[in-house]
Amino acid sequence: MTNRALFVLRFEGWTALRVFDRPCDSSYTGGALEELKMKRIACLICAVALMVGCGDDDTGAEDTGTDATVDTGPAPDTSLPDTSTPDTGGEDTSVPEDTNPPMETCDPFESGSCDEGKCTLAIARDGEGEFLEAFWACVDDTVAKAEGIPCGRPVDATPDDETDDVRADDCAEGLFCGQVDGDSITRCIPMCDGESVTCDDGDYCGTANSEPFFGFCETPALCDPVYQVGCDEGDACYTLTNDDGDLISDCFEFSPPEGGTGAAGEECMFINNCMAGTRCTPMDSTGDGELDTATCVPFCLIGDPPDPLPDSELDGSCDMTCDPFELESDDNVVLTPSTPGLCIDA
């Protein structure tokens, strides 16, 4: 599997992004479909892969242990956790009705958003240690560790309230305490939001969580989604958009939905729920203009094939309509080796 710039984050009482469960972006807007933005909008397939578990606040090497793939659902209330999500067999992260963690609004991507201290992610747990909610909060910044330094979550985000358990990490503002795949301990990692804090040219802000939103910069493989070349065995090539709005592609491990195969026409939640050569795409199933489902749709070739022609069993043909991806502006470009479209019944 390709581990090139993909993150597996492990940290006490919070969520981790599984390498193979990448939220989709929504650069495809073909036909009459309403344009969906990747950033700050939770759509049916822009969901969060959660691993919720327990650990030691004083260490930086926790392993969360359990998985729960969470679907945000069509047009949901995007506050985490989403109580409308289906049961996927993982830990229940729904918030009890009487839970009301203290909220102090701030923005970790905006300098000086806190009058005192730093803006960071606070995680609330109930009396039994169960995850309740996560939110941005202003906390004490006596300890503010730099990028790459081992970290933990020892900071009491509500020191004046001894009845709750709301913790924050000891990284500097703009950093997040997580464990990168291949590392044995948690370290301070830079966050991005694709707006105030963007990635290097050509990279993209891979969504780690939808609400509150944050992600981590990743470098795309620029594989070929039409011919499915350029990825390691077991991976498939999927389209995304980078922070500049250009159409790019990256490799992720194919992981079909439970009970499904990921074949064209099947429903999906995550970008990599669809088999190689197809893409999880928001669709209007009723014709009323609302994107109410998501299905695996085959890639097809727009324009001339590349030269030389890739060695592939796929040829990019489409017996319906090969609908192009709509870019944000005329300044944006397609950076994939061949120009992909989606084969739909227009």
Protein backbone atom coordinates (compact mmCIF):
# COMPACT_ATOMS: atom_id res chain seq x y z
CA MET A 1 0.00 0.00 0.00
CA THR A 2 1.16 3.55 -0.71
CA ASN A 3 2.17 5.30 2.53
CA ARG A 4 3.86 8.20 0.77
CA ALA A 5 2.17 11.12 2.51
CA LEU A 6 -0.84 9.52 4.12
CA PHE A 7 -1.49 9.95 7.80
CA VAL A 8 -2.59 7.43 10.39
CA LEU A 9 -3.24 9.58 13.43
CA ARG A 10 -3.46 8.06 16.86
CA PHE A 11 -4.15 10.20 19.89
CA GLU A 12 -5.96 9.98 23.18
CA GLY A 13 -9.71 10.27 23.06
CA TRP A 14 -9.94 11.62 19.51
CA THR A 15 -10.25 10.48 15.96
CA ALA A 16 -7.73 9.05 13.55
CA LEU A 17 -7.82 9.14 9.80
CA ARG A 18 -7.47 5.65 8.42
CA VAL A 19 -5.13 5.70 5.46
CA PHE A 20 -7.54 3.89 3.19
CA ASP A 21 -10.73 5.72 4.13
CA ARG A 22 -10.15 9.06 2.44
CA PRO A 23 -13.09 11.46 2.37
CA CYS A 24 -14.05 12.37 -1.15
CA ASP A 25 -13.62 15.77 -2.62
CA SER A 26 -16.39 17.02 -4.82
CA SER A 27 -14.68 18.43 -7.86
CA TYR A 28 -17.15 16.57 -10.08
CA THR A 29 -20.11 18.78 -10.83
CA GLY A 30 -21.22 17.37 -14.20
CA GLY A 31 -24.55 18.13 -15.82
CA ALA A 32 -27.12 19.75 -13.55
CA LEU A 33 -25.44 18.68 -10.34
CA GLU A 34 -24.91 21.47 -7.86
CA GLU A 35 -21.26 22.21 -7.17
CA LEU A 36 -20.06 20.90 -3.83
CA LYS A 37 -17.02 22.34 -2.13
CA MET A 38 -14.47 19.99 -0.56
CA LYS A 39 -13.63 22.33 2.28
CA ARG A 40 -15.90 22.87 5.29
CA ILE A 41 -18.91 21.06 3.76
CA ALA A 42 -19.96 17.59 4.86
CA CYS A 43 -21.61 15.70 2.00
CA LEU A 44 -22.80 12.13 1.76
CA ILE A 45 -19.37 10.82 0.86
CA CYS A 46 -17.27 13.53 2.49
CA ALA A 47 -17.35 11.63 5.77
CA VAL A 48 -14.98 11.06 8.65
CA ALA A 49 -13.12 7.85 9.39
CA LEU A 50 -13.01 7.56 13.16
CA MET A 51 -10.89 5.50 15.50
CA VAL A 52 -12.06 6.35 18.99
CA GLY A 53 -10.28 4.91 21.98
CA CYS A 54 -8.53 5.46 25.25
CA GLY A 55 -4.96 6.22 26.14
CA ASP A 56 -2.68 7.82 28.66
CA ASP A 57 -2.78 11.62 28.76
CA ASP A 58 0.81 11.76 29.89
CA THR A 59 2.28 9.75 27.06
CA GLY A 60 2.57 10.42 23.37
CA ALA A 61 2.23 6.89 22.04
CA GLU A 62 -1.37 5.87 22.47
CA ASP A 63 -3.02 3.31 20.21
CA THR A 64 -6.75 3.90 19.90
CA GLY A 65 -7.53 0.34 18.92
CA THR A 66 -11.07 0.45 17.53
CA ASP A 67 -12.47 1.57 14.19
CA ALA A 68 -15.79 3.16 13.30
CA THR A 69 -16.51 4.46 9.82
CA VAL A 70 -18.98 7.32 10.14
CA ASP A 71 -21.21 8.62 7.37
CA THR A 72 -22.27 12.23 7.77
CA GLY A 73 -25.44 11.56 5.76
CA PRO A 74 -27.12 13.84 3.24
CA ALA A 75 -27.23 17.49 4.36
CA PRO A 76 -26.51 16.67 8.01
CA ASP A 77 -25.91 18.80 11.03
CA THR A 78 -22.14 18.65 10.77
CA SER A 79 -21.40 18.86 14.49
CA LEU A 80 -19.33 15.91 15.64
CA PRO A 81 -20.46 13.30 16.42
CA ASP A 82 -23.35 12.85 13.98
CA THR A 83 -26.20 11.13 15.76
CA SER A 84 -27.88 10.34 12.44
CA THR A 85 -25.08 8.08 11.29
CA PRO A 86 -25.69 4.38 10.75
CA ASP A 87 -24.29 1.79 13.11
CA THR A 88 -21.08 0.47 11.58
CA GLY A 89 -20.07 -1.72 14.47
CA GLY A 90 -17.66 0.72 16.03
CA GLU A 91 -17.79 2.66 19.26
CA ASP A 92 -20.87 4.86 19.71
CA THR A 93 -19.78 8.50 19.74
CA SER A 94 -23.24 10.07 19.92
CA VAL A 95 -23.59 13.01 22.32
CA PRO A 96 -26.12 12.66 25.16
CA GLU A 97 -28.80 15.36 25.11
CA ASP A 98 -27.76 16.75 28.49
CA THR A 99 -24.13 17.14 27.43
CA ASN A 100 -23.10 20.75 26.88
CA PRO A 101 -19.31 21.15 26.89
CA PRO A 102 -18.15 24.73 27.37
CA MET A 103 -17.43 26.35 24.03
CA GLU A 104 -15.05 29.27 23.58
CA THR A 105 -15.05 30.22 19.93
CA CYS A 106 -11.68 30.65 18.25
CA ASP A 107 -9.91 29.79 15.02
CA PRO A 108 -6.51 28.03 15.09
CA PHE A 109 -5.87 29.23 11.54
CA GLU A 110 -6.33 32.89 12.47
CA SER A 111 -3.53 34.48 14.47
CA GLY A 112 -4.66 36.19 17.67
CA SER A 113 -8.15 34.69 17.77
CA CYS A 114 -7.68 34.10 21.51
CA ASP A 115 -7.27 37.06 23.88
CA GLU A 116 -5.06 34.82 26.00
CA GLY A 117 -3.46 31.44 25.41
CA LYS A 118 -3.72 29.44 22.20
CA CYS A 119 -6.54 28.10 20.06
CA THR A 120 -6.45 24.34 19.88
CA LEU A 121 -8.71 21.31 19.66
CA ALA A 122 -10.43 20.45 22.95
CA ILE A 123 -11.91 17.01 23.48
CA ALA A 124 -14.74 16.43 25.95
CA ARG A 125 -15.34 13.07 27.60
CA ASP A 126 -18.03 11.93 30.01
CA GLY A 127 -17.51 10.58 33.51
CA GLU A 128 -16.80 7.12 32.15
CA GLY A 129 -14.19 8.37 29.72
CA GLU A 130 -16.41 8.10 26.63
CA PHE A 131 -15.85 10.58 23.81
CA LEU A 132 -18.47 13.34 23.72
CA GLU A 133 -17.45 16.21 21.49
CA ALA A 134 -14.52 18.07 19.97
CA PHE A 135 -14.29 21.82 19.41
CA TRP A 136 -11.80 24.66 19.09
CA ALA A 137 -11.07 26.35 22.42
CA CYS A 138 -8.69 28.90 23.93
CA VAL A 139 -6.43 27.15 26.45
CA ASP A 140 -3.28 27.83 28.44
CA ASP A 141 -0.17 28.04 26.25
CA THR A 142 2.50 27.75 28.95
CA VAL A 143 3.69 24.70 27.03
CA ALA A 144 3.63 25.13 23.25
CA LYS A 145 5.72 22.48 21.55
CA ALA A 146 7.11 22.98 18.06
CA GLU A 147 6.57 20.88 14.93
CA GLY A 148 7.98 17.37 15.22
CA ILE A 149 8.30 17.40 19.02
CA PRO A 150 6.73 14.46 20.92
CA CYS A 151 3.45 15.50 22.51
CA GLY A 152 0.43 14.42 24.52
CA ARG A 153 -2.90 15.81 25.74
CA PRO A 154 -2.16 16.95 29.29
CA VAL A 155 -3.81 20.40 29.15
CA ASP A 156 -7.06 20.91 31.09
CA ALA A 157 -9.15 23.02 28.70
CA THR A 158 -11.62 23.97 31.47
CA PRO A 159 -9.48 24.41 34.61
CA ASP A 160 -12.27 26.26 36.45
CA ASP A 161 -14.66 23.33 36.12
CA GLU A 162 -13.65 20.22 38.06
CA THR A 163 -16.82 18.35 37.08
CA ASP A 164 -15.89 17.74 33.45
CA ASP A 165 -13.07 16.17 31.48
CA VAL A 166 -12.03 18.39 28.57
CA ARG A 167 -8.45 17.98 27.41
CA ALA A 168 -6.18 19.65 24.87
CA ASP A 169 -2.71 18.90 23.51
CA ASP A 170 0.52 20.70 24.36
CA CYS A 171 1.48 21.67 20.80
CA ALA A 172 1.77 25.25 19.62
CA GLU A 173 -1.18 26.90 17.90
CA GLY A 174 -1.64 25.60 14.36
CA LEU A 175 -0.21 22.18 15.23
CA PHE A 176 -1.98 18.97 16.15
CA CYS A 177 -0.76 16.11 18.33
CA GLY A 178 -1.00 12.96 16.23
CA GLN A 179 0.90 9.89 15.16
CA VAL A 180 2.09 9.73 11.57
CA ASP A 181 2.09 6.29 10.00
CA GLY A 182 5.40 4.59 10.66
CA ASP A 183 6.20 6.64 13.77
CA SER A 184 5.96 5.04 17.18
CA ILE A 185 5.02 8.17 19.12
CA THR A 186 2.72 11.16 18.72
CA ARG A 187 4.27 14.41 17.50
CA CYS A 188 3.12 17.94 16.73
CA ILE A 189 1.93 18.05 13.11
CA PRO A 190 1.02 21.20 11.11
CA MET A 191 -2.66 21.54 10.27
CA CYS A 192 -4.17 23.12 7.17
CA ASP A 193 -7.62 24.32 6.21
CA GLY A 194 -7.12 24.92 2.50
CA GLU A 195 -8.02 28.59 2.93
CA SER A 196 -6.08 30.53 5.56
CA VAL A 197 -3.38 27.88 5.78
CA THR A 198 -2.73 26.23 2.45
CA CYS A 199 -0.26 23.65 1.24
CA ASP A 200 2.73 23.95 -1.07
CA ASP A 201 2.05 24.36 -4.77
CA GLY A 202 0.58 21.15 -6.18
CA ASP A 203 -0.21 19.63 -2.77
CA TYR A 204 -3.66 19.39 -1.23
CA CYS A 205 -5.15 19.66 2.24
CA GLY A 206 -6.38 16.13 2.91
CA THR A 207 -9.42 16.36 5.18
CA ALA A 208 -8.89 14.77 8.59
CA ASN A 209 -12.19 15.95 10.05
CA SER A 210 -15.20 17.89 8.80
CA GLU A 211 -16.44 19.65 11.95
CA PRO A 212 -14.44 21.28 13.27
CA PHE A 213 -12.58 21.24 9.99
CA PHE A 214 -8.86 20.56 9.74
CA GLY A 215 -6.57 18.53 7.55
CA PHE A 216 -2.95 17.77 6.72
CA CYS A 217 -0.98 18.58 3.60
CA GLU A 218 -0.39 15.67 1.25
CA THR A 219 1.50 15.32 -2.02
CA PRO A 220 -0.52 13.65 -4.81
CA ALA A 221 0.87 10.78 -6.85
CA LEU A 222 -0.69 12.20 -10.06
CA CYS A 223 -1.56 8.69 -11.18
CA ASP A 224 -3.81 8.07 -14.19
CA PRO A 225 -7.46 7.60 -13.11
CA VAL A 226 -8.66 6.61 -16.58
CA TYR A 227 -6.11 3.86 -17.25
CA GLN A 228 -5.42 3.13 -13.55
CA VAL A 229 -1.64 3.22 -13.77
CA GLY A 230 0.83 4.84 -11.40
CA CYS A 231 -0.25 3.21 -8.13
CA ASP A 232 1.09 0.29 -6.10
CA GLU A 233 -0.65 -3.07 -6.20
CA GLY A 234 -3.83 -3.00 -4.14
CA ASP A 235 -4.23 0.77 -4.56
CA ALA A 236 -6.53 2.56 -6.98
CA CYS A 237 -6.26 6.01 -8.54
CA TYR A 238 -8.90 8.61 -7.66
CA THR A 239 -9.40 12.26 -8.58
CA LEU A 240 -9.26 15.15 -6.10
CA THR A 241 -8.72 18.90 -6.23
CA ASN A 242 -5.71 20.65 -4.77
CA ASP A 243 -5.75 23.90 -2.80
CA ASP A 244 -5.48 25.89 -6.03
CA GLY A 245 -8.57 24.21 -7.50
CA ASP A 246 -6.66 22.11 -10.05
CA LEU A 247 -7.81 18.57 -10.79
CA ILE A 248 -5.27 16.09 -9.39
CA SER A 249 -5.16 12.39 -8.57
CA ASP A 250 -3.81 10.23 -5.80
CA CYS A 251 -3.49 6.56 -4.84
CA PHE A 252 -5.50 5.03 -2.00
CA GLU A 253 -6.09 1.45 -0.98
CA PHE A 254 -9.34 0.11 -2.41
CA SER A 255 -11.73 -0.68 0.45
CA PRO A 256 -15.24 -1.71 -0.68
CA PRO A 257 -18.17 -0.88 1.59
CA GLU A 258 -19.42 -3.56 3.93
CA GLY A 259 -21.48 -6.04 1.96
CA GLY A 260 -20.55 -4.48 -1.37
CA THR A 261 -17.98 -4.93 -4.10
CA GLY A 262 -17.36 -1.32 -5.13
CA ALA A 263 -18.57 -2.02 -8.67
CA ALA A 264 -20.04 0.65 -10.93
CA GLY A 265 -23.58 1.54 -9.84
CA GLU A 266 -23.15 0.50 -6.21
CA GLU A 267 -23.69 2.97 -3.39
CA CYS A 268 -20.62 4.28 -1.56
CA MET A 269 -19.55 6.61 1.23
CA PHE A 270 -15.81 7.05 0.75
CA ILE A 271 -13.78 7.87 -2.30
CA ASN A 272 -11.99 4.53 -2.13
CA ASN A 273 -15.15 2.43 -1.66
CA CYS A 274 -15.20 2.16 -5.45
CA MET A 275 -13.07 -0.29 -7.40
CA ALA A 276 -10.24 0.84 -9.66
CA GLY A 277 -11.58 2.75 -12.65
CA THR A 278 -14.62 4.15 -10.81
CA ARG A 279 -15.23 7.04 -8.45
CA CYS A 280 -17.66 7.63 -5.57
CA THR A 281 -19.79 10.46 -6.92
CA PRO A 282 -22.73 12.47 -5.47
CA MET A 283 -25.83 11.95 -7.60
CA ASP A 284 -29.41 13.17 -7.91
CA SER A 285 -31.45 9.97 -7.87
CA THR A 286 -34.91 11.60 -8.00
CA GLY A 287 -34.38 14.39 -10.54
CA ASP A 288 -35.32 17.14 -8.10
CA GLY A 289 -31.86 18.74 -8.12
CA GLU A 290 -30.88 17.42 -4.69
CA LEU A 291 -27.76 15.29 -4.29
CA ASP A 292 -29.30 12.55 -2.20
CA THR A 293 -27.07 9.55 -2.84
CA ALA A 294 -23.60 8.58 -3.95
CA THR A 295 -22.67 5.79 -6.34
CA CYS A 296 -19.58 4.38 -8.02
CA VAL A 297 -19.31 5.89 -11.50
CA PRO A 298 -16.75 4.78 -14.13
CA PHE A 299 -14.02 7.14 -15.29
CA CYS A 300 -13.84 7.78 -19.03
CA LEU A 301 -11.44 9.55 -21.36
CA ILE A 302 -11.93 13.14 -22.46
CA GLY A 303 -10.02 14.04 -25.63
CA ASP A 304 -7.11 12.15 -27.10
CA PRO A 305 -5.39 9.24 -25.31
CA PRO A 306 -1.88 9.82 -23.98
CA ASP A 307 1.15 8.94 -26.07
CA PRO A 308 2.49 6.38 -25.46
CA LEU A 309 -0.69 4.55 -24.53
CA PRO A 310 -0.50 3.08 -21.00
CA ASP A 311 -0.36 -0.69 -20.58
CA SER A 312 -3.83 -1.17 -19.12
CA GLU A 313 -6.94 -3.30 -19.51
CA LEU A 314 -9.00 -0.10 -19.37
CA ASP A 315 -9.43 2.05 -22.46
CA GLY A 316 -11.50 4.97 -21.17
CA SER A 317 -14.47 4.18 -23.40
CA CYS A 318 -18.02 5.15 -22.43
CA ASP A 319 -21.27 3.99 -24.02
CA MET A 320 -23.22 6.84 -22.41
CA THR A 321 -22.06 10.44 -21.85
CA CYS A 322 -18.48 11.17 -20.76
CA ASP A 323 -19.14 14.19 -18.57
CA PRO A 324 -16.09 16.35 -17.80
CA PHE A 325 -15.06 17.56 -14.37
CA GLU A 326 -15.90 21.23 -13.92
CA LEU A 327 -13.00 23.29 -12.60
CA GLU A 328 -13.44 26.24 -10.27
CA SER A 329 -12.21 28.80 -12.80
CA ASP A 330 -10.60 29.18 -16.20
CA ASP A 331 -7.24 29.48 -14.45
CA ASN A 332 -7.46 25.95 -13.12
CA VAL A 333 -6.02 23.02 -15.04
CA VAL A 334 -6.15 19.23 -15.20
CA LEU A 335 -2.87 17.81 -13.86
CA THR A 336 -3.66 14.12 -14.33
CA PRO A 337 -1.74 12.25 -17.10
CA SER A 338 -4.92 11.81 -19.15
CA THR A 339 -8.04 13.96 -18.91
CA PRO A 340 -10.77 12.07 -17.03
CA GLY A 341 -14.52 12.42 -17.16
CA LEU A 342 -17.32 10.41 -15.59
CA CYS A 343 -19.47 8.04 -17.67
CA ILE A 344 -23.05 8.92 -16.77
CA ASP A 345 -26.52 8.56 -18.22
CA ALA A 346 -27.11 12.23 -19.00
